[in-house]
N, C-alpha and C. Protein backbone atom coordinates (compact mmCIF):
# COMPACT_ATOMS: atom_id res chain seq x y z
N MET A 1 -46.58 83.53 35.53
CA MET A 1 -46.03 83.30 33.84
C MET A 1 -45.19 82.20 33.84
N LYS A 2 -44.93 81.01 33.51
CA LYS A 2 -44.13 80.50 32.98
C LYS A 2 -42.90 80.54 32.40
N LYS A 3 -41.58 80.91 32.84
CA LYS A 3 -40.25 81.13 32.40
C LYS A 3 -39.88 80.30 32.23
N VAL A 4 -39.72 79.81 30.47
CA VAL A 4 -39.23 79.37 29.40
C VAL A 4 -37.93 79.18 29.05
N ALA A 5 -36.94 78.34 29.01
CA ALA A 5 -35.58 78.48 28.05
C ALA A 5 -35.64 77.61 26.95
N ILE A 6 -35.28 78.16 25.89
CA ILE A 6 -35.27 77.08 24.83
C ILE A 6 -33.75 76.81 24.30
N ILE A 7 -32.66 75.58 24.25
CA ILE A 7 -31.65 75.68 24.23
C ILE A 7 -31.25 74.44 22.95
N GLU A 8 -31.00 74.32 21.99
CA GLU A 8 -31.22 74.19 20.72
C GLU A 8 -30.03 74.86 19.55
N ASP A 9 -29.74 74.61 18.94
CA ASP A 9 -28.21 75.16 18.23
C ASP A 9 -28.87 75.29 16.50
N HIS A 10 -29.83 74.53 16.03
CA HIS A 10 -30.45 74.71 14.86
C HIS A 10 -31.68 75.81 14.60
N THR A 11 -31.52 76.60 14.13
CA THR A 11 -32.11 78.26 14.16
C THR A 11 -33.75 78.01 13.70
N ALA A 12 -34.27 76.99 12.55
CA ALA A 12 -35.14 76.33 12.69
C ALA A 12 -36.13 75.74 13.21
N VAL A 13 -35.40 74.84 14.38
CA VAL A 13 -36.41 74.09 15.16
C VAL A 13 -36.24 74.94 16.59
N ARG A 14 -35.46 76.14 16.81
CA ARG A 14 -35.41 76.84 18.07
C ARG A 14 -36.73 77.73 17.47
N ASP A 15 -36.82 78.12 16.60
CA ASP A 15 -38.17 79.18 16.16
C ASP A 15 -39.42 78.57 15.99
N MET A 16 -39.12 76.77 15.61
CA MET A 16 -40.41 76.24 15.81
C MET A 16 -40.61 76.49 17.04
N VAL A 17 -40.08 75.99 18.17
CA VAL A 17 -40.18 75.31 19.52
C VAL A 17 -40.74 76.76 20.30
N ALA A 18 -39.96 78.15 19.58
CA ALA A 18 -40.63 79.32 20.21
C ALA A 18 -42.34 79.76 19.81
N GLN A 19 -42.24 78.83 18.76
CA GLN A 19 -43.88 79.30 18.07
C GLN A 19 -44.72 78.46 18.90
N LEU A 20 -44.28 77.39 19.56
CA LEU A 20 -44.97 76.58 20.42
C LEU A 20 -45.28 77.23 21.79
N ILE A 21 -44.46 77.64 22.20
CA ILE A 21 -44.28 78.80 23.42
C ILE A 21 -44.95 79.86 23.37
N GLY A 22 -44.76 80.66 22.12
CA GLY A 22 -45.84 81.74 21.82
C GLY A 22 -47.39 81.67 21.75
N THR A 23 -47.90 80.22 21.59
CA THR A 23 -49.17 79.74 21.80
C THR A 23 -50.09 79.79 23.09
N LYS A 24 -48.80 79.80 24.26
CA LYS A 24 -49.57 80.08 25.82
C LYS A 24 -49.30 80.96 26.17
N ASP A 25 -50.39 81.63 26.85
CA ASP A 25 -49.98 82.87 27.53
C ASP A 25 -49.74 83.15 28.84
N GLU A 26 -49.34 82.17 29.59
CA GLU A 26 -49.12 82.23 30.87
C GLU A 26 -47.48 81.61 30.48
N TRP A 27 -46.87 81.87 29.29
CA TRP A 27 -45.51 80.96 29.32
C TRP A 27 -44.94 82.28 28.43
N GLU A 28 -43.64 82.61 28.79
CA GLU A 28 -42.66 83.38 28.52
C GLU A 28 -41.29 82.73 28.58
N ILE A 29 -40.56 83.34 27.25
CA ILE A 29 -39.41 83.16 26.77
C ILE A 29 -38.44 83.59 27.34
N VAL A 30 -37.43 83.25 28.32
CA VAL A 30 -36.96 84.32 28.81
C VAL A 30 -34.80 84.13 28.27
N THR A 31 -34.63 83.02 27.64
CA THR A 31 -33.81 82.52 27.05
C THR A 31 -33.67 81.86 25.99
N SER A 32 -33.00 81.98 24.97
CA SER A 32 -32.93 81.37 23.49
C SER A 32 -31.52 81.43 22.99
N SER A 33 -30.85 80.19 23.39
CA SER A 33 -29.46 80.15 22.52
C SER A 33 -29.25 78.59 22.25
N GLY A 34 -28.31 78.52 21.13
CA GLY A 34 -27.55 77.52 20.47
C GLY A 34 -26.28 77.06 20.91
N ASP A 35 -25.82 77.68 22.31
CA ASP A 35 -24.43 77.50 22.43
C ASP A 35 -23.99 77.50 23.64
N GLY A 36 -23.90 75.76 23.96
CA GLY A 36 -24.16 75.07 25.41
C GLY A 36 -23.81 75.99 26.26
N ARG A 37 -22.61 76.54 26.26
CA ARG A 37 -21.69 77.45 27.49
C ARG A 37 -22.28 78.48 27.75
N THR A 38 -22.88 79.28 26.74
CA THR A 38 -23.73 80.72 26.74
C THR A 38 -25.35 80.64 27.29
N ALA A 39 -25.56 79.03 27.20
CA ALA A 39 -27.04 78.78 27.42
C ALA A 39 -26.82 78.50 29.14
N VAL A 40 -25.97 78.10 29.66
CA VAL A 40 -26.04 77.62 30.97
C VAL A 40 -25.80 79.12 31.53
N GLU A 41 -24.68 80.08 31.54
CA GLU A 41 -24.62 80.95 32.03
C GLU A 41 -26.05 81.73 32.06
N GLU A 42 -26.76 82.16 30.79
CA GLU A 42 -28.51 82.68 31.07
C GLU A 42 -29.34 82.03 31.76
N CYS A 43 -28.84 80.80 31.81
CA CYS A 43 -30.48 80.02 32.49
C CYS A 43 -29.79 80.53 34.23
N LEU A 44 -28.71 79.88 34.34
CA LEU A 44 -28.29 80.48 35.62
C LEU A 44 -28.61 82.29 36.12
N ARG A 45 -28.61 83.19 35.01
CA ARG A 45 -29.01 84.43 35.34
C ARG A 45 -30.67 84.41 35.16
N THR A 46 -31.06 83.49 34.60
CA THR A 46 -32.74 83.88 34.23
C THR A 46 -33.36 82.70 34.98
N LYS A 47 -32.85 81.98 35.34
CA LYS A 47 -33.46 81.06 36.47
C LYS A 47 -34.95 80.69 35.86
N PRO A 48 -35.10 80.11 34.86
CA PRO A 48 -36.03 78.95 33.60
C PRO A 48 -36.63 78.35 34.89
N ASP A 49 -38.40 78.33 34.52
CA ASP A 49 -38.73 76.91 35.31
C ASP A 49 -38.92 75.88 34.18
N PHE A 50 -38.66 76.04 33.31
CA PHE A 50 -38.71 75.03 32.60
C PHE A 50 -37.56 75.27 31.16
N ILE A 51 -36.96 73.90 30.63
CA ILE A 51 -36.37 73.80 29.63
C ILE A 51 -36.86 73.22 28.62
N ILE A 52 -36.53 73.37 26.97
CA ILE A 52 -36.37 72.41 25.90
C ILE A 52 -34.70 72.26 25.94
N LEU A 53 -34.23 71.33 25.94
CA LEU A 53 -33.03 71.01 25.86
C LEU A 53 -32.30 69.87 24.91
N ASP A 54 -31.63 70.69 23.54
CA ASP A 54 -31.14 69.21 22.90
C ASP A 54 -30.03 68.63 23.57
N ILE A 55 -29.32 67.82 22.66
CA ILE A 55 -28.32 67.44 23.06
C ILE A 55 -26.93 67.97 22.63
N MET A 56 -27.24 67.46 21.21
CA MET A 56 -25.71 68.06 20.38
C MET A 56 -25.11 69.18 20.37
N LEU A 57 -24.38 69.96 21.24
CA LEU A 57 -24.51 71.67 21.14
C LEU A 57 -23.39 71.99 20.85
N PRO A 58 -22.49 73.06 20.50
CA PRO A 58 -21.58 73.42 20.75
C PRO A 58 -20.68 73.95 21.75
N GLY A 59 -19.75 73.93 22.20
CA GLY A 59 -19.25 74.45 23.32
C GLY A 59 -19.33 73.46 24.70
N LEU A 60 -20.51 73.19 25.15
CA LEU A 60 -21.12 72.46 26.01
C LEU A 60 -22.33 71.63 25.51
N ASN A 61 -22.08 69.70 26.00
CA ASN A 61 -23.10 68.97 25.31
C ASN A 61 -24.46 68.91 26.24
N GLY A 62 -25.35 68.51 25.95
CA GLY A 62 -26.68 68.65 26.82
C GLY A 62 -26.50 67.55 27.84
N THR A 63 -25.87 66.53 27.74
CA THR A 63 -26.24 66.56 28.79
C THR A 63 -25.23 66.95 29.98
N GLU A 64 -23.73 67.44 29.87
CA GLU A 64 -22.89 68.56 31.04
C GLU A 64 -24.21 69.61 31.60
N ILE A 65 -24.84 70.24 30.36
CA ILE A 65 -25.73 71.30 30.63
C ILE A 65 -26.78 70.84 31.51
N LEU A 66 -27.19 69.76 31.18
CA LEU A 66 -28.29 68.46 32.34
C LEU A 66 -27.64 68.71 34.04
N ARG A 67 -26.43 68.17 33.80
CA ARG A 67 -25.64 68.01 35.08
C ARG A 67 -25.82 69.05 35.68
N ARG A 68 -24.89 70.57 35.21
CA ARG A 68 -24.79 71.65 35.75
C ARG A 68 -26.44 72.11 36.13
N LEU A 69 -27.17 72.42 35.33
CA LEU A 69 -28.43 73.21 36.16
C LEU A 69 -29.30 72.85 36.96
N LYS A 70 -29.20 71.19 37.33
CA LYS A 70 -29.81 70.37 37.92
C LYS A 70 -28.93 70.77 39.47
N ARG A 71 -27.58 70.80 39.20
CA ARG A 71 -27.05 71.55 40.84
C ARG A 71 -27.63 72.22 41.42
N HIS A 72 -27.17 73.54 40.28
CA HIS A 72 -27.85 75.05 40.60
C HIS A 72 -29.50 75.17 40.65
N LEU A 73 -29.99 74.23 39.89
CA LEU A 73 -31.39 75.24 39.53
C LEU A 73 -32.27 73.62 40.09
N PRO A 74 -32.52 73.34 41.10
CA PRO A 74 -32.58 71.78 40.87
C PRO A 74 -34.81 71.66 40.75
N GLU A 75 -35.21 72.82 41.09
CA GLU A 75 -36.67 72.46 40.63
C GLU A 75 -36.74 73.06 39.71
N THR A 76 -36.56 73.01 38.79
CA THR A 76 -36.46 73.32 36.62
C THR A 76 -36.82 72.43 36.30
N TYR A 77 -37.90 72.08 35.86
CA TYR A 77 -38.56 71.02 34.76
C TYR A 77 -37.46 71.10 32.97
N VAL A 78 -36.73 69.67 33.14
CA VAL A 78 -36.22 70.02 31.71
C VAL A 78 -36.77 68.89 31.14
N LEU A 79 -37.07 69.44 29.48
CA LEU A 79 -37.62 68.22 28.76
C LEU A 79 -36.84 68.20 27.29
N VAL A 80 -35.75 67.11 27.11
CA VAL A 80 -34.96 66.76 26.39
C VAL A 80 -35.52 66.47 24.89
N PHE A 81 -35.22 67.28 23.80
CA PHE A 81 -35.99 67.56 22.25
C PHE A 81 -34.56 67.40 21.30
N SER A 82 -34.31 65.87 21.57
CA SER A 82 -33.42 65.12 19.69
C SER A 82 -33.74 64.47 19.08
N GLY A 83 -32.54 64.15 18.08
CA GLY A 83 -32.63 63.78 16.74
C GLY A 83 -31.73 62.45 17.69
N TYR A 84 -31.08 62.08 18.83
CA TYR A 84 -30.01 61.26 18.63
C TYR A 84 -30.78 60.63 19.95
N GLN A 85 -31.25 58.91 19.55
CA GLN A 85 -31.84 58.31 20.54
C GLN A 85 -31.03 56.74 20.83
N ASP A 86 -29.53 57.04 21.30
CA ASP A 86 -28.96 55.99 21.82
C ASP A 86 -29.22 55.51 22.97
N ALA A 87 -29.19 54.23 23.57
CA ALA A 87 -29.78 54.14 24.64
C ALA A 87 -29.20 54.31 26.06
N ALA A 88 -27.71 54.27 26.09
CA ALA A 88 -26.86 54.22 26.79
C ALA A 88 -26.60 56.49 27.09
N LEU A 89 -26.79 57.05 26.15
CA LEU A 89 -27.11 58.33 26.06
C LEU A 89 -28.52 58.74 27.05
N LEU A 90 -30.06 58.52 26.55
CA LEU A 90 -31.05 58.25 27.21
C LEU A 90 -30.94 58.09 28.56
N ARG A 91 -29.66 56.53 29.14
CA ARG A 91 -30.15 56.11 30.13
C ARG A 91 -29.24 57.71 30.87
N GLU A 92 -28.42 58.02 30.58
CA GLU A 92 -27.52 59.08 31.30
C GLU A 92 -28.84 60.50 31.14
N MET A 93 -28.95 60.85 30.50
CA MET A 93 -29.55 61.86 30.45
C MET A 93 -31.26 61.50 31.52
N VAL A 94 -31.68 60.86 31.51
CA VAL A 94 -32.96 60.20 33.01
C VAL A 94 -31.86 60.29 33.94
N GLU A 95 -30.64 60.02 34.42
CA GLU A 95 -30.15 59.72 35.58
C GLU A 95 -29.63 61.03 35.94
N SER A 96 -29.39 62.01 35.14
CA SER A 96 -28.72 63.31 35.52
C SER A 96 -30.07 64.07 35.98
N GLY A 97 -30.93 63.71 35.67
CA GLY A 97 -31.90 65.16 36.17
C GLY A 97 -33.20 64.88 34.75
N ALA A 98 -33.44 64.47 33.86
CA ALA A 98 -34.67 65.06 32.71
C ALA A 98 -35.84 64.25 33.06
N HIS A 99 -36.78 65.10 32.71
CA HIS A 99 -37.89 64.94 32.84
C HIS A 99 -38.63 63.68 32.43
N GLY A 100 -38.07 64.19 30.62
CA GLY A 100 -39.24 64.08 29.69
C GLY A 100 -38.15 63.41 27.81
N PHE A 101 -38.32 63.14 27.55
CA PHE A 101 -37.35 63.21 26.08
C PHE A 101 -38.37 62.63 24.97
N ILE A 102 -38.14 63.75 23.67
CA ILE A 102 -39.23 63.59 22.54
C ILE A 102 -37.87 63.35 21.37
N GLY A 103 -38.06 62.45 20.29
CA GLY A 103 -37.19 62.26 19.55
C GLY A 103 -37.69 63.51 18.34
N LYS A 104 -36.53 63.92 17.88
CA LYS A 104 -37.10 64.98 16.23
C LYS A 104 -37.93 64.58 15.55
N THR A 105 -37.98 62.72 15.50
CA THR A 105 -38.74 62.10 14.68
C THR A 105 -40.35 62.31 14.70
N ALA A 106 -40.42 62.18 16.11
CA ALA A 106 -41.76 62.80 16.68
C ALA A 106 -42.79 63.87 15.38
N PRO A 107 -44.25 63.73 15.66
CA PRO A 107 -44.45 64.52 14.89
C PRO A 107 -44.87 65.59 16.05
N LEU A 108 -45.32 66.58 15.51
CA LEU A 108 -45.54 67.82 16.64
C LEU A 108 -46.55 67.81 17.40
N SER A 109 -47.33 67.15 17.42
CA SER A 109 -48.42 67.09 18.32
C SER A 109 -47.82 66.54 19.31
N GLU A 110 -47.05 65.62 19.61
CA GLU A 110 -46.06 64.59 20.44
C GLU A 110 -45.39 65.76 21.15
N LEU A 111 -44.39 66.48 20.84
CA LEU A 111 -43.99 67.68 21.22
C LEU A 111 -44.85 68.60 22.39
N GLN A 112 -45.82 68.83 21.48
CA GLN A 112 -46.71 69.46 22.26
C GLN A 112 -47.23 69.15 23.41
N ARG A 113 -47.46 67.52 23.71
CA ARG A 113 -48.50 67.18 24.68
C ARG A 113 -47.05 66.79 25.67
N GLY A 114 -45.80 66.62 25.51
CA GLY A 114 -44.40 66.68 25.96
C GLY A 114 -44.57 67.88 26.60
N LEU A 115 -44.52 68.89 26.03
CA LEU A 115 -44.34 70.24 26.71
C LEU A 115 -45.27 70.65 27.83
N ASP A 116 -46.55 69.93 27.68
CA ASP A 116 -47.81 70.31 28.41
C ASP A 116 -47.77 69.81 29.66
N VAL A 117 -47.20 67.84 29.61
CA VAL A 117 -46.92 67.48 30.80
C VAL A 117 -45.57 67.92 31.42
N VAL A 118 -44.84 68.06 31.20
CA VAL A 118 -42.71 68.41 31.92
C VAL A 118 -43.54 69.37 32.13
N ALA A 119 -43.70 70.75 31.63
CA ALA A 119 -43.84 72.56 32.20
C ALA A 119 -45.37 72.35 33.77
N THR A 120 -45.78 70.87 33.88
CA THR A 120 -46.58 71.01 34.97
C THR A 120 -46.17 69.98 36.28
N GLY A 121 -44.92 69.48 35.51
CA GLY A 121 -44.20 68.93 37.24
C GLY A 121 -44.30 67.53 36.64
N GLY A 122 -45.04 66.67 35.30
CA GLY A 122 -45.24 65.47 35.10
C GLY A 122 -43.92 65.00 34.16
N THR A 123 -43.58 63.28 34.03
CA THR A 123 -42.63 63.10 33.18
C THR A 123 -43.19 62.81 31.55
N TYR A 124 -42.72 62.80 30.85
CA TYR A 124 -42.90 62.14 29.30
C TYR A 124 -42.04 61.74 28.31
N PHE A 125 -42.10 60.56 28.16
CA PHE A 125 -41.36 60.19 27.24
C PHE A 125 -42.31 59.27 25.59
N SER A 126 -41.17 60.06 24.54
CA SER A 126 -42.47 59.37 23.48
C SER A 126 -42.16 57.99 23.28
N PRO A 127 -43.02 57.47 22.31
CA PRO A 127 -43.07 55.69 22.70
C PRO A 127 -41.85 55.37 22.15
N GLU A 128 -41.87 55.54 21.54
CA GLU A 128 -40.04 55.48 20.81
C GLU A 128 -38.96 55.33 21.45
N VAL A 129 -38.78 56.31 22.20
CA VAL A 129 -37.79 56.88 23.65
C VAL A 129 -38.07 56.02 24.65
N ALA A 130 -39.95 55.55 25.15
CA ALA A 130 -39.78 54.97 26.07
C ALA A 130 -39.32 53.59 25.93
N GLU A 131 -39.70 53.14 24.85
CA GLU A 131 -38.65 51.38 24.33
C GLU A 131 -37.28 51.56 24.46
N ILE A 132 -37.07 52.71 24.28
CA ILE A 132 -35.56 52.41 23.63
C ILE A 132 -34.74 52.56 25.40
N LEU A 133 -35.77 52.94 26.29
CA LEU A 133 -35.14 53.39 27.72
C LEU A 133 -35.03 52.03 28.71
N ARG A 134 -36.90 51.30 27.92
CA ARG A 134 -36.81 50.38 29.54
C ARG A 134 -36.38 48.91 28.86
N GLU A 135 -35.75 48.75 27.47
CA GLU A 135 -34.53 48.07 27.47
C GLU A 135 -33.13 48.09 28.17
N SER A 136 -32.48 49.46 27.93
CA SER A 136 -31.55 49.94 28.61
C SER A 136 -31.49 50.00 29.67
N MET A 137 -32.55 50.51 30.49
CA MET A 137 -32.71 50.18 31.94
C MET A 137 -32.79 48.75 32.51
N SER A 138 -33.12 47.73 31.53
CA SER A 138 -33.14 46.16 32.08
C SER A 138 -31.08 45.62 32.25
N SER A 139 -30.56 46.22 31.07
CA SER A 139 -29.19 45.77 31.20
C SER A 139 -28.26 46.44 32.16
N PRO A 140 -27.21 46.23 32.75
CA PRO A 140 -26.16 46.59 33.62
C PRO A 140 -26.12 48.19 33.79
N ALA A 141 -26.29 48.73 34.84
CA ALA A 141 -25.99 49.86 34.97
C ALA A 141 -24.76 50.48 34.28
N GLY A 142 -24.49 51.55 33.38
CA GLY A 142 -22.99 52.39 32.69
C GLY A 142 -22.79 51.45 31.64
N GLU A 143 -23.42 50.53 31.24
CA GLU A 143 -22.63 49.73 30.03
C GLU A 143 -22.17 50.15 29.30
N GLY A 144 -22.93 51.02 28.56
CA GLY A 144 -23.00 51.71 27.30
C GLY A 144 -21.60 52.32 27.43
N SER A 145 -21.65 53.33 28.54
CA SER A 145 -21.21 54.41 28.70
C SER A 145 -19.57 54.54 29.26
N GLN A 146 -19.48 53.21 30.03
CA GLN A 146 -18.82 53.02 31.10
C GLN A 146 -17.10 54.23 30.66
N PRO A 147 -16.88 53.94 29.24
CA PRO A 147 -15.30 54.41 29.57
C PRO A 147 -15.92 56.07 29.79
N LEU A 148 -16.57 56.87 29.39
CA LEU A 148 -16.92 58.32 29.33
C LEU A 148 -17.12 58.23 30.83
N ARG A 149 -17.48 57.23 31.69
CA ARG A 149 -18.18 57.70 33.45
C ARG A 149 -16.41 57.76 33.97
N ARG A 150 -15.29 57.38 33.61
CA ARG A 150 -14.10 57.57 33.77
C ARG A 150 -13.45 58.52 34.05
N LEU A 151 -14.27 59.37 33.41
CA LEU A 151 -14.13 61.15 32.69
C LEU A 151 -14.35 62.14 34.75
N THR A 152 -13.73 62.62 34.85
CA THR A 152 -14.46 63.74 35.57
C THR A 152 -15.22 64.97 34.86
N ALA A 153 -16.14 65.77 35.23
CA ALA A 153 -16.77 66.30 34.35
C ALA A 153 -15.94 67.52 34.32
N ARG A 154 -14.66 68.07 34.34
CA ARG A 154 -13.58 68.78 33.63
C ARG A 154 -13.23 68.05 32.76
N GLU A 155 -12.83 67.13 32.58
CA GLU A 155 -12.27 66.12 31.37
C GLU A 155 -13.15 65.59 30.28
N ARG A 156 -14.26 65.69 30.79
CA ARG A 156 -15.52 65.26 29.64
C ARG A 156 -15.43 66.88 28.96
N GLU A 157 -15.18 68.37 30.05
CA GLU A 157 -15.68 69.49 28.91
C GLU A 157 -14.67 69.69 28.13
N ILE A 158 -13.46 69.04 28.45
CA ILE A 158 -12.11 69.39 27.41
C ILE A 158 -11.89 68.48 26.07
N LEU A 159 -12.65 67.22 26.75
CA LEU A 159 -12.75 66.05 25.32
C LEU A 159 -13.20 66.72 24.37
N GLN A 160 -14.59 67.48 24.78
CA GLN A 160 -15.48 67.97 23.78
C GLN A 160 -14.91 69.15 23.16
N LEU A 161 -14.24 69.95 23.67
CA LEU A 161 -13.01 71.25 23.27
C LEU A 161 -12.29 71.18 22.54
N ILE A 162 -11.79 69.74 22.64
CA ILE A 162 -10.67 69.18 21.68
C ILE A 162 -10.96 68.57 20.74
N ALA A 163 -12.08 67.77 20.73
CA ALA A 163 -12.86 67.31 19.56
C ALA A 163 -13.53 68.27 18.67
N GLU A 164 -13.71 69.57 18.88
CA GLU A 164 -14.23 70.39 18.29
C GLU A 164 -13.32 71.68 17.82
N SER A 165 -11.86 70.80 18.00
CA SER A 165 -10.80 71.18 17.23
C SER A 165 -10.13 72.82 17.98
N HIS A 166 -10.05 73.31 19.50
CA HIS A 166 -9.84 74.00 19.79
C HIS A 166 -8.65 72.92 20.60
N SER A 167 -7.64 74.46 19.89
CA SER A 167 -5.95 74.26 20.92
C SER A 167 -5.93 74.16 22.68
N THR A 168 -5.21 73.84 23.11
CA THR A 168 -4.98 73.79 24.31
C THR A 168 -4.73 75.26 24.62
N LYS A 169 -4.51 75.93 24.06
CA LYS A 169 -4.26 77.73 24.38
C LYS A 169 -5.51 78.43 24.47
N GLU A 170 -6.65 77.48 23.80
CA GLU A 170 -7.90 78.40 23.29
C GLU A 170 -8.65 77.72 24.28
N ILE A 171 -8.62 76.62 24.88
CA ILE A 171 -9.18 75.72 25.55
C ILE A 171 -9.16 76.56 27.20
N ALA A 172 -7.77 76.77 27.69
CA ALA A 172 -7.30 77.71 28.93
C ALA A 172 -8.04 78.82 28.64
N GLY A 173 -7.91 79.55 27.31
CA GLY A 173 -8.66 80.83 27.59
C GLY A 173 -10.28 80.35 27.83
N ILE A 174 -11.22 79.77 27.21
CA ILE A 174 -12.46 79.64 27.10
C ILE A 174 -12.91 78.81 28.45
N LEU A 175 -11.97 77.92 29.68
CA LEU A 175 -12.18 77.58 30.61
C LEU A 175 -11.62 78.02 31.87
N ASN A 176 -11.11 79.28 31.09
CA ASN A 176 -10.37 80.24 32.34
C ASN A 176 -9.66 79.27 32.88
N ILE A 177 -8.66 78.99 32.75
CA ILE A 177 -7.93 78.29 33.83
C ILE A 177 -6.24 78.25 32.92
N SER A 178 -5.15 77.75 33.47
CA SER A 178 -3.45 78.38 32.88
C SER A 178 -3.69 77.36 31.78
N ILE A 179 -2.96 77.22 30.71
CA ILE A 179 -2.47 76.26 30.08
C ILE A 179 -2.39 74.78 30.52
N LYS A 180 -1.05 75.15 31.10
CA LYS A 180 -0.25 73.93 32.35
C LYS A 180 -1.60 72.95 32.70
N THR A 181 -2.43 73.61 33.20
CA THR A 181 -3.67 73.41 33.98
C THR A 181 -4.56 72.44 33.09
N ALA A 182 -5.01 73.15 31.69
CA ALA A 182 -4.95 72.54 30.43
C ALA A 182 -5.00 71.18 29.72
N GLU A 183 -3.37 71.63 29.93
CA GLU A 183 -2.65 70.47 29.36
C GLU A 183 -2.62 69.07 30.31
N ASN A 184 -2.51 69.34 32.19
CA ASN A 184 -2.95 68.35 32.70
C ASN A 184 -4.44 67.33 32.30
N HIS A 185 -5.06 68.30 32.29
CA HIS A 185 -6.37 67.65 32.21
C HIS A 185 -5.94 66.40 30.88
N ARG A 186 -5.59 67.51 29.73
CA ARG A 186 -5.83 66.55 28.43
C ARG A 186 -4.66 65.27 28.82
N THR A 187 -3.94 65.53 29.24
CA THR A 187 -3.23 64.26 29.82
C THR A 187 -3.79 63.12 30.66
N ASN A 188 -4.36 63.50 31.53
CA ASN A 188 -5.24 62.56 32.39
C ASN A 188 -6.45 62.10 31.23
N LEU A 189 -7.40 62.87 30.73
CA LEU A 189 -8.46 62.07 30.25
C LEU A 189 -7.68 61.02 28.67
N MET A 190 -6.46 61.54 28.02
CA MET A 190 -6.09 60.34 27.32
C MET A 190 -5.38 59.49 27.87
N ARG A 191 -5.08 59.53 29.15
CA ARG A 191 -4.60 58.39 30.17
C ARG A 191 -5.98 57.17 30.19
N LYS A 192 -6.56 57.85 30.33
CA LYS A 192 -8.05 57.02 31.69
C LYS A 192 -8.34 56.69 30.77
N LEU A 193 -8.30 57.14 28.38
CA LEU A 193 -9.30 56.60 27.51
C LEU A 193 -8.26 55.55 27.05
N ASP A 194 -6.88 55.62 27.05
CA ASP A 194 -6.19 54.90 26.56
C ASP A 194 -6.11 55.40 25.30
N LEU A 195 -6.06 56.72 25.00
CA LEU A 195 -6.51 57.15 23.48
C LEU A 195 -5.20 58.47 23.39
N HIS A 196 -4.62 58.20 22.04
CA HIS A 196 -3.04 59.60 22.61
C HIS A 196 -2.89 60.32 21.05
N ASP A 197 -4.01 60.64 20.54
CA ASP A 197 -4.17 62.05 19.69
C ASP A 197 -5.23 62.15 19.25
N VAL A 198 -4.87 63.65 18.76
CA VAL A 198 -6.66 63.80 18.48
C VAL A 198 -8.06 63.51 17.71
N ALA A 199 -7.35 62.62 16.56
CA ALA A 199 -7.86 61.87 15.83
C ALA A 199 -9.05 60.88 16.56
N SER A 200 -7.98 59.94 17.57
CA SER A 200 -8.75 58.98 18.75
C SER A 200 -9.85 59.44 18.97
N LEU A 201 -9.44 60.91 20.25
CA LEU A 201 -10.40 61.36 20.73
C LEU A 201 -11.57 62.26 20.25
N THR A 202 -11.39 62.52 19.03
CA THR A 202 -12.61 63.12 18.10
C THR A 202 -13.26 61.99 18.06
N ARG A 203 -13.05 60.45 17.25
CA ARG A 203 -14.10 59.63 17.30
C ARG A 203 -14.81 59.00 18.11
N PHE A 204 -14.08 58.76 19.38
CA PHE A 204 -14.20 58.48 20.70
C PHE A 204 -15.84 59.54 21.21
N ALA A 205 -15.23 60.52 20.91
CA ALA A 205 -15.98 62.08 21.53
C ALA A 205 -17.54 61.65 20.70
N ILE A 206 -17.42 61.03 18.70
CA ILE A 206 -18.37 61.49 18.23
C ILE A 206 -19.00 59.71 18.28
N GLU A 207 -18.20 58.90 19.20
CA GLU A 207 -18.85 57.46 19.14
C GLU A 207 -19.92 57.78 20.33
N TYR A 208 -19.28 58.35 21.69
CA TYR A 208 -20.41 59.00 22.55
C TYR A 208 -21.19 59.76 22.87
N ASN A 209 -21.86 60.49 21.67
CA ASN A 209 -22.82 60.92 21.25
C ASN A 209 -22.30 62.86 22.38
N ILE A 210 -20.79 63.00 22.11
CA ILE A 210 -20.19 64.10 22.76
C ILE A 210 -20.35 65.51 22.15
N ILE A 211 -20.22 64.91 20.66
CA ILE A 211 -19.94 65.83 19.64
C ILE A 211 -21.06 65.63 18.85
N GLU A 212 -21.62 65.51 17.29
CA GLU A 212 -21.95 65.69 16.13
C GLU A 212 -21.23 65.06 15.01
N PRO A 213 -21.26 64.21 14.41
CA PRO A 213 -20.06 63.66 13.86
C PRO A 213 -20.71 64.62 12.41
N PRO A 214 -19.08 65.14 11.79
CA PRO A 214 -18.80 66.14 10.44
C PRO A 214 -19.97 65.85 9.44
N SER A 215 -20.38 66.71 8.81
CA SER A 215 -21.63 66.63 7.97
C SER A 215 -20.74 66.03 6.57
N ARG A 216 -21.66 65.51 5.81
CA ARG A 216 -20.29 64.69 4.91
C ARG A 216 -20.59 65.31 3.66
N PRO A 217 -19.75 66.61 3.03
CA PRO A 217 -19.70 67.19 1.41
C PRO A 217 -20.96 66.43 0.44
N HIS A 218 -21.43 67.06 -0.25
CA HIS A 218 -21.69 66.39 -1.52
C HIS A 218 -21.23 66.14 -2.47
N GLN A 219 -21.60 64.91 -2.63
CA GLN A 219 -20.75 64.35 -4.10
C GLN A 219 -21.61 64.35 -4.90
N ARG A 220 -21.08 65.09 -6.21
CA ARG A 220 -21.56 65.22 -7.20
C ARG A 220 -21.78 63.79 -8.14
N ARG A 221 -22.67 63.39 -8.78
CA ARG A 221 -22.95 61.84 -9.04
C ARG A 221 -23.17 62.03 -10.95
N ASP A 222 -22.32 61.55 -11.88
CA ASP A 222 -22.14 61.90 -12.89
C ASP A 222 -23.21 60.89 -13.66
N SER A 223 -23.77 61.44 -14.40
CA SER A 223 -25.36 60.86 -15.56
C SER A 223 -24.43 60.13 -16.18
């Protein structure tokens, strides 16, 4: 049996992917999660052969998840399935070890094809993603995400938690570090990015695809 993990925060999408996996007798879903931090823990516990990974996830985004899992599960194949197709982000995901990337605007048949190819050890990028990636690869390395590359993995992690409105005390608890250590990381990342308030850090996190932009409230239009 091929062990599969689904990491996706939208329940409807997660259920759809699970239905596709269910059509394959030799595949078994060993974990399915919508929270990035929980997903990493479950993948390290279950050691899947294949992961379907979204990018925008609460707690820990897809880029950080991929970096961690590739360190501990280097033989695991990863297919990214996301609505975000920013050139710098695509490049970063590939450099971090993704074996394929399919946009959520692609037809279901495209996802099915990508699943089949990546799960058997190949690489697959949907046509529109491949075109963006080719253009990205022709530009200087890291051009689009240079500010983010100044941060350590821990600082990127704390940046996401700050942008998700967690207090320093909450961040310390989530990461099992002291409040002083959390404060030091916060100070360092602000200095490196030359950003000095939560609002600026949140805008940066949205711009660099660390968190999703907040949903706009529905506005009533009078006739």
